[in-house]
Amino acid sequence: MATTPPDETQQPRTYGYTVPVARMPIPGNAEFAVWLLVWFVIFLIWVIGDAVNSSDFAFLTVILTVGYLLSRGIAKASRVLEQ
């Protein structure tokens, strides 16, 4: 007596439970590119001109980084309930 092979297109039964899949973040984003561009402009102004001294450069870097981290936190917090 010949038996038919099982249909390979059927998904296995999960009985209402699905295994969570971890998604890796995509490296880099537009906000980081803007941060890097603005930091580079501040760096060039600091190196070339006399308008920005080293303490101003450090202060502007801190302010820029805080703004970047806040924007990333707000972006991630807005997606918490989507999953």
N, C-alpha and C. Protein backbone atom coordinates (compact mmCIF):
# COMPACT_ATOMS: atom_id res chain seq x y z
N MET A 1 0.83 -1.14 0.00
CA MET A 1 0.00 0.00 0.00
C MET A 1 0.90 1.23 0.00
N ALA A 2 0.64 2.13 -0.91
CA ALA A 2 1.47 3.32 -1.06
C ALA A 2 0.86 4.46 -0.24
N THR A 3 1.73 5.19 0.42
CA THR A 3 1.25 6.36 1.16
C THR A 3 1.69 7.61 0.43
N THR A 4 0.86 8.61 0.51
CA THR A 4 1.20 9.87 -0.15
C THR A 4 2.12 10.68 0.76
N PRO A 5 3.11 11.33 0.19
CA PRO A 5 4.01 12.13 1.03
C PRO A 5 3.27 13.34 1.58
N PRO A 6 3.69 13.83 2.73
CA PRO A 6 3.01 15.01 3.31
C PRO A 6 3.21 16.25 2.44
N ASP A 7 2.23 17.10 2.47
CA ASP A 7 2.28 18.34 1.70
C ASP A 7 3.29 19.27 2.36
N GLU A 8 4.33 19.68 1.61
CA GLU A 8 5.40 20.49 2.18
C GLU A 8 5.03 21.98 2.26
N THR A 9 3.92 22.36 1.67
CA THR A 9 3.54 23.77 1.70
C THR A 9 2.80 24.14 2.98
N GLN A 10 2.37 23.15 3.75
CA GLN A 10 1.65 23.43 4.98
C GLN A 10 2.61 23.90 6.06
N GLN A 11 2.16 24.87 6.84
CA GLN A 11 2.95 25.37 7.96
C GLN A 11 2.73 24.45 9.16
N PRO A 12 3.73 24.27 9.99
CA PRO A 12 3.54 23.45 11.19
C PRO A 12 2.56 24.12 12.14
N ARG A 13 1.87 23.31 12.89
CA ARG A 13 0.90 23.84 13.85
C ARG A 13 1.62 24.50 15.01
N THR A 14 1.13 25.67 15.39
CA THR A 14 1.73 26.38 16.51
C THR A 14 0.79 26.44 17.70
N TYR A 15 -0.45 26.07 17.52
CA TYR A 15 -1.45 26.07 18.58
C TYR A 15 -1.58 27.43 19.26
N GLY A 16 -1.58 28.48 18.44
CA GLY A 16 -1.79 29.82 18.96
C GLY A 16 -0.54 30.52 19.46
N TYR A 17 0.60 29.86 19.41
CA TYR A 17 1.83 30.48 19.88
C TYR A 17 2.77 30.68 18.70
N THR A 18 3.27 31.88 18.56
CA THR A 18 4.25 32.13 17.51
C THR A 18 5.58 32.49 18.17
N VAL A 19 6.63 32.02 17.60
CA VAL A 19 7.97 32.27 18.14
C VAL A 19 8.38 33.69 17.74
N PRO A 20 8.77 34.52 18.70
CA PRO A 20 9.19 35.87 18.34
C PRO A 20 10.49 35.84 17.56
N VAL A 21 10.56 36.69 16.55
CA VAL A 21 11.75 36.76 15.70
C VAL A 21 12.47 38.06 16.02
N ALA A 22 13.73 37.96 16.37
CA ALA A 22 14.52 39.16 16.68
C ALA A 22 14.99 39.79 15.38
N ARG A 23 14.73 41.07 15.26
CA ARG A 23 15.17 41.79 14.07
C ARG A 23 16.39 42.62 14.43
N MET A 24 17.42 42.52 13.64
CA MET A 24 18.63 43.30 13.88
C MET A 24 18.44 44.69 13.29
N PRO A 25 18.93 45.71 13.98
CA PRO A 25 18.80 47.06 13.45
C PRO A 25 19.68 47.26 12.22
N ILE A 26 19.21 48.11 11.35
CA ILE A 26 19.98 48.44 10.16
C ILE A 26 21.05 49.45 10.57
N PRO A 27 22.31 49.15 10.29
CA PRO A 27 23.35 50.09 10.73
C PRO A 27 23.26 51.42 9.97
N GLY A 28 23.35 52.49 10.72
CA GLY A 28 23.29 53.81 10.10
C GLY A 28 21.87 54.26 9.85
N ASN A 29 21.66 55.55 9.86
CA ASN A 29 20.37 56.10 9.55
C ASN A 29 20.55 57.55 9.12
N ALA A 30 19.48 58.17 8.68
CA ALA A 30 19.57 59.53 8.17
C ALA A 30 19.91 60.52 9.28
N GLU A 31 19.42 60.27 10.48
CA GLU A 31 19.70 61.19 11.58
C GLU A 31 21.19 61.19 11.92
N PHE A 32 21.82 60.03 11.86
CA PHE A 32 23.25 59.98 12.13
C PHE A 32 24.03 60.70 11.03
N ALA A 33 23.58 60.57 9.79
CA ALA A 33 24.25 61.27 8.70
C ALA A 33 24.15 62.79 8.87
N VAL A 34 22.99 63.27 9.30
CA VAL A 34 22.83 64.71 9.55
C VAL A 34 23.70 65.13 10.73
N TRP A 35 23.74 64.32 11.80
CA TRP A 35 24.60 64.63 12.94
C TRP A 35 26.06 64.74 12.49
N LEU A 36 26.50 63.77 11.70
CA LEU A 36 27.88 63.76 11.24
C LEU A 36 28.18 64.95 10.34
N LEU A 37 27.26 65.32 9.48
CA LEU A 37 27.45 66.47 8.60
C LEU A 37 27.54 67.76 9.40
N VAL A 38 26.64 67.96 10.34
CA VAL A 38 26.67 69.18 11.16
C VAL A 38 27.93 69.21 12.01
N TRP A 39 28.32 68.08 12.59
CA TRP A 39 29.54 68.05 13.38
C TRP A 39 30.75 68.38 12.53
N PHE A 40 30.79 67.88 11.31
CA PHE A 40 31.91 68.15 10.42
C PHE A 40 31.98 69.64 10.07
N VAL A 41 30.83 70.27 9.85
CA VAL A 41 30.80 71.71 9.58
C VAL A 41 31.33 72.49 10.78
N ILE A 42 30.88 72.12 11.99
CA ILE A 42 31.38 72.77 13.21
C ILE A 42 32.89 72.54 13.34
N PHE A 43 33.34 71.34 13.02
CA PHE A 43 34.76 71.03 13.08
C PHE A 43 35.56 71.91 12.11
N LEU A 44 35.05 72.05 10.89
CA LEU A 44 35.74 72.89 9.91
C LEU A 44 35.79 74.35 10.35
N ILE A 45 34.70 74.84 10.90
CA ILE A 45 34.68 76.22 11.39
C ILE A 45 35.69 76.38 12.53
N TRP A 46 35.79 75.38 13.40
CA TRP A 46 36.74 75.44 14.50
C TRP A 46 38.19 75.43 14.00
N VAL A 47 38.47 74.57 12.99
CA VAL A 47 39.83 74.45 12.49
C VAL A 47 40.23 75.67 11.66
N ILE A 48 39.34 76.12 10.77
CA ILE A 48 39.69 77.18 9.83
C ILE A 48 39.59 78.57 10.44
N GLY A 49 38.51 78.83 11.14
CA GLY A 49 38.27 80.19 11.61
C GLY A 49 38.59 80.39 13.07
N ASP A 50 38.44 81.66 13.47
CA ASP A 50 38.66 82.02 14.87
C ASP A 50 37.35 82.24 15.61
N ALA A 51 36.21 81.98 14.94
CA ALA A 51 34.91 82.25 15.55
C ALA A 51 34.57 81.24 16.64
N VAL A 52 35.10 80.04 16.53
CA VAL A 52 34.79 78.98 17.49
C VAL A 52 36.09 78.51 18.13
N ASN A 53 36.19 78.61 19.45
CA ASN A 53 37.38 78.08 20.13
C ASN A 53 37.11 76.66 20.60
N SER A 54 38.07 76.03 21.26
CA SER A 54 37.94 74.62 21.61
C SER A 54 36.82 74.36 22.61
N SER A 55 36.60 75.26 23.55
CA SER A 55 35.51 75.04 24.50
C SER A 55 34.15 75.18 23.82
N ASP A 56 34.03 76.12 22.89
CA ASP A 56 32.78 76.24 22.12
C ASP A 56 32.55 75.00 21.27
N PHE A 57 33.63 74.48 20.67
CA PHE A 57 33.51 73.27 19.86
C PHE A 57 33.03 72.09 20.70
N ALA A 58 33.60 71.94 21.88
CA ALA A 58 33.18 70.84 22.77
C ALA A 58 31.73 71.03 23.21
N PHE A 59 31.35 72.26 23.55
CA PHE A 59 29.98 72.53 23.98
C PHE A 59 28.99 72.25 22.85
N LEU A 60 29.31 72.71 21.64
CA LEU A 60 28.42 72.47 20.50
C LEU A 60 28.33 70.98 20.17
N THR A 61 29.42 70.25 20.34
CA THR A 61 29.38 68.80 20.11
C THR A 61 28.47 68.12 21.11
N VAL A 62 28.53 68.55 22.37
CA VAL A 62 27.66 67.97 23.40
C VAL A 62 26.20 68.28 23.10
N ILE A 63 25.90 69.52 22.78
CA ILE A 63 24.52 69.91 22.47
C ILE A 63 24.00 69.13 21.26
N LEU A 64 24.82 69.01 20.24
CA LEU A 64 24.43 68.27 19.04
C LEU A 64 24.19 66.80 19.35
N THR A 65 25.04 66.20 20.18
CA THR A 65 24.89 64.79 20.53
C THR A 65 23.65 64.56 21.39
N VAL A 66 23.38 65.44 22.31
CA VAL A 66 22.18 65.32 23.14
C VAL A 66 20.93 65.40 22.27
N GLY A 67 20.92 66.32 21.34
CA GLY A 67 19.78 66.42 20.42
C GLY A 67 19.61 65.16 19.58
N TYR A 68 20.72 64.61 19.13
CA TYR A 68 20.66 63.37 18.34
C TYR A 68 20.12 62.21 19.17
N LEU A 69 20.64 62.06 20.39
CA LEU A 69 20.18 60.96 21.24
C LEU A 69 18.70 61.12 21.61
N LEU A 70 18.27 62.34 21.87
CA LEU A 70 16.84 62.56 22.15
C LEU A 70 15.98 62.22 20.95
N SER A 71 16.43 62.59 19.76
CA SER A 71 15.63 62.29 18.57
C SER A 71 15.54 60.79 18.34
N ARG A 72 16.64 60.04 18.61
CA ARG A 72 16.59 58.59 18.46
C ARG A 72 15.68 57.97 19.51
N GLY A 73 15.72 58.50 20.73
CA GLY A 73 14.85 57.97 21.78
C GLY A 73 13.39 58.20 21.48
N ILE A 74 13.07 59.38 20.96
CA ILE A 74 11.68 59.68 20.61
C ILE A 74 11.24 58.80 19.44
N ALA A 75 12.13 58.59 18.48
CA ALA A 75 11.78 57.75 17.32
C ALA A 75 11.53 56.31 17.76
N LYS A 76 12.36 55.79 18.66
CA LYS A 76 12.16 54.43 19.13
C LYS A 76 10.94 54.30 20.04
N ALA A 77 10.68 55.32 20.84
CA ALA A 77 9.52 55.28 21.74
C ALA A 77 8.22 55.32 20.95
N SER A 78 8.23 55.96 19.81
CA SER A 78 7.00 56.04 19.02
C SER A 78 6.66 54.70 18.38
N ARG A 79 7.62 53.78 18.29
CA ARG A 79 7.37 52.48 17.66
C ARG A 79 7.16 51.37 18.68
N VAL A 80 7.04 51.67 19.95
CA VAL A 80 6.92 50.62 20.96
C VAL A 80 5.62 49.85 20.80
N LEU A 81 4.52 50.54 20.56
CA LEU A 81 3.22 49.88 20.48
C LEU A 81 2.93 49.29 19.11
N GLU A 82 3.77 49.52 18.11
CA GLU A 82 3.53 48.97 16.78
C GLU A 82 3.76 47.49 16.74
N GLN A 83 4.64 46.97 17.57
CA GLN A 83 4.95 45.55 17.52
C GLN A 83 4.01 44.85 18.41
